C-alpha cells in the first residue's frame, strides 16, 4: 500500500454533458482546457445509449480482459468515479439496464442519451502519474 498526501483541493468543475456527447472525450477536453494535472471525478450520473466497459475476467497474471459493449440501448449511469493523474483520467462506472447492473472501466465511446453531469475536483500538491509495475499493471506513483 502507498498513500499520497496532496497539498490542498483546487477548483471544483461541474460539467453538463448533452445528448450525443462522448463521456470520455468530454472529460479529457475539460481536463486539458482547465490545465488539471491531478484530481478526481467526485460524481458522475446520467444516461447512455452506447457504452463500452473494460473488465478483468481472471485473478491471475496477466489478466484476461473483456470489453462489454451496448449499442442503441438505454442505460442509467449510477456512478462515474476515478482519479486524474498527470492530466489523464482513469474512470470506472456503474451502469444498469432494466434487468441488472454492470461495473467496469469506462472506455471511449460511451455516449450520452439524455444528459450527464460530472463533478471534477482538482488536487494541488505533489504530482502523480501512472507507471507500469513488474506485473504490467499501471499503478499510481508520486512524481519525484
Protein backbone atom coordinates (compact mmCIF):
# COMPACT_ATOMS: atom_id res chain seq x y z
CA UNK A 1 0.00 0.00 0.00
CA UNK A 2 1.12 3.54 -0.67
CA UNK A 3 -0.58 6.77 0.42
CA UNK A 4 -0.18 10.10 -1.33
CA UNK A 5 -0.78 13.30 0.60
CA UNK A 6 -1.92 16.16 -1.60
CA UNK A 7 -1.43 19.77 -0.53
CA UNK A 8 -4.98 21.05 -0.83
CA UNK A 9 -8.06 20.95 -3.03
CA UNK A 10 -8.10 23.23 -6.04
CA UNK A 11 -11.01 24.12 -8.29
CA UNK A 12 -14.27 22.20 -8.48
CA UNK A 13 -15.57 21.95 -12.05
CA UNK A 14 -19.14 20.90 -12.79
CA UNK A 15 -19.74 19.62 -16.33
CA UNK A 16 -23.06 19.16 -18.12
CA UNK A 17 -22.94 16.62 -20.93
CA UNK A 18 -25.55 16.78 -23.66
CA UNK A 19 -27.18 14.17 -25.88
CA UNK A 20 -24.62 12.57 -28.19
CA UNK A 21 -21.55 13.64 -26.17
CA UNK A 22 -18.77 11.08 -25.67
CA UNK A 23 -18.22 10.98 -21.89
CA UNK A 24 -14.50 10.13 -22.02
CA UNK A 25 -13.71 12.67 -24.76
CA UNK A 26 -15.58 15.47 -22.97
CA UNK A 27 -13.87 14.80 -19.64
CA UNK A 28 -10.48 14.79 -21.41
CA UNK A 29 -11.37 18.10 -23.07
CA UNK A 30 -12.36 19.70 -19.74
CA UNK A 31 -9.18 18.43 -18.04
CA UNK A 32 -6.96 19.82 -20.81
CA UNK A 33 -8.85 23.12 -21.21
CA UNK A 34 -8.59 23.76 -17.46
CA UNK A 35 -5.00 22.58 -17.05
CA UNK A 36 -5.92 19.97 -14.45
CA UNK A 37 -2.89 17.83 -13.65
CA UNK A 38 -4.20 15.84 -10.69
CA UNK A 39 -7.68 15.39 -9.30
CA UNK A 40 -10.60 13.04 -9.04
CA UNK A 41 -14.02 12.51 -10.51
CA UNK A 42 -16.18 13.23 -7.48
CA UNK A 43 -19.53 12.41 -9.04
CA UNK A 44 -20.99 11.30 -12.33
CA UNK A 45 -24.59 10.47 -13.24
CA UNK A 46 -26.73 10.37 -16.37
CA UNK A 47 -27.96 8.15 -19.16
CA UNK A 48 -26.17 6.42 -22.06
CA UNK A 49 -27.23 4.82 -25.30
CA UNK A 50 -23.79 3.41 -26.21
CA UNK A 51 -21.37 2.04 -23.63
CA UNK A 52 -18.07 0.15 -23.57
CA UNK A 53 -16.78 -1.22 -20.26
CA UNK A 54 -13.41 -2.87 -19.75
CA UNK A 55 -13.47 -5.68 -17.19
CA UNK A 56 -10.99 -8.29 -15.98
CA UNK A 57 -12.10 -11.91 -16.17
CA UNK A 58 -9.36 -13.75 -14.22
CA UNK A 59 -7.45 -13.46 -10.96
CA UNK A 60 -4.02 -14.44 -12.32
CA UNK A 61 -1.35 -12.66 -14.34
CA UNK A 62 -1.52 -11.49 -16.96
CA UNK A 63 -5.17 -10.53 -16.51
CA UNK A 64 -7.61 -11.71 -19.15
CA UNK A 65 -9.62 -8.69 -20.25
CA UNK A 66 -13.12 -8.38 -21.66
CA UNK A 67 -14.81 -5.42 -23.32
CA UNK A 68 -18.59 -5.44 -22.81
CA UNK A 69 -20.49 -3.29 -25.30
CA UNK A 70 -24.03 -1.95 -25.54
CA UNK A 71 -25.29 -0.15 -28.66
CA UNK A 72 -28.59 1.73 -29.03
CA UNK A 73 -29.69 0.56 -25.57
CA UNK A 74 -30.96 2.88 -22.81
CA UNK A 75 -28.69 2.68 -19.76
CA UNK A 76 -28.73 4.51 -16.44
CA UNK A 77 -25.41 5.76 -15.09
CA UNK A 78 -25.49 5.25 -11.33
CA UNK A 79 -21.93 6.44 -10.79
CA UNK A 80 -18.75 7.56 -12.50
CA UNK A 81 -15.67 7.96 -10.34
CA UNK A 82 -11.93 7.96 -10.83
CA UNK A 83 -8.55 9.58 -10.45
CA UNK A 84 -6.82 12.10 -12.69
CA UNK A 85 -3.03 11.69 -12.64
CA UNK A 86 -0.72 13.71 -14.87
CA UNK A 87 -3.75 15.01 -16.78
CA UNK A 88 -5.08 11.53 -17.63
CA UNK A 89 -8.33 10.24 -16.12
CA UNK A 90 -8.78 6.61 -15.03
CA UNK A 91 -12.52 6.20 -14.57
CA UNK A 92 -14.88 3.43 -13.56
CA UNK A 93 -18.64 3.41 -13.82
CA UNK A 94 -21.70 1.54 -12.67
CA UNK A 95 -24.49 1.34 -15.26
CA UNK A 96 -27.76 -0.53 -15.36
CA UNK A 97 -30.38 -1.63 -17.85
CA UNK A 98 -33.88 -2.81 -16.97
CA UNK A 99 -32.56 -6.14 -15.64
CA UNK A 100 -29.17 -5.74 -13.97
CA UNK A 101 -26.22 -3.52 -13.11
CA UNK A 102 -22.72 -3.68 -14.58
CA UNK A 103 -19.44 -2.10 -13.49
CA UNK A 104 -16.08 -1.60 -15.14
CA UNK A 105 -13.50 0.76 -16.57
CA UNK A 106 -15.20 3.49 -18.63
CA UNK A 107 -13.86 3.38 -22.20
CA UNK A 108 -14.08 5.94 -25.02
CA UNK A 109 -17.30 5.53 -26.98
CA UNK A 110 -19.74 5.87 -24.07
CA UNK A 111 -22.38 8.23 -25.46
CA UNK A 112 -24.88 10.35 -23.55
CA UNK A 113 -28.52 9.50 -24.22
CA UNK A 114 -30.36 12.37 -22.47
CA UNK A 115 -27.98 14.03 -20.02
CA UNK A 116 -24.83 13.63 -18.00
CA UNK A 117 -23.50 15.53 -15.00
CA UNK A 118 -19.89 15.20 -13.86
CA UNK A 119 -18.02 16.89 -11.00
CA UNK A 120 -14.22 17.09 -11.26
CA UNK A 121 -12.20 18.09 -8.19
CA UNK A 122 -8.69 19.38 -8.80
CA UNK A 123 -5.96 18.36 -6.32
CA UNK A 124 -2.88 20.51 -5.76
CA UNK A 125 0.45 19.37 -4.33
CA UNK A 126 2.94 16.68 -5.29
CA UNK A 127 2.13 15.47 -8.82
CA UNK A 128 1.01 11.91 -9.53
CA UNK A 129 1.39 9.67 -12.57
CA UNK A 130 0.84 6.05 -13.56
CA UNK A 131 3.74 3.68 -14.26
CA UNK A 132 3.74 0.04 -15.30
CA UNK A 133 4.95 -2.21 -12.50
CA UNK A 134 6.70 -5.60 -12.84
CA UNK A 135 3.34 -7.30 -13.45
CA UNK A 136 2.47 -4.88 -16.29
CA UNK A 137 -0.19 -3.07 -14.23
CA UNK A 138 -0.42 0.75 -14.39
CA UNK A 139 -0.03 1.81 -10.77
CA UNK A 140 -0.28 5.25 -9.23
CA UNK A 141 3.06 6.79 -8.16
CA UNK A 142 4.19 10.17 -6.96
CA UNK A 143 6.41 12.16 -9.33
CA UNK A 144 9.76 12.89 -7.68
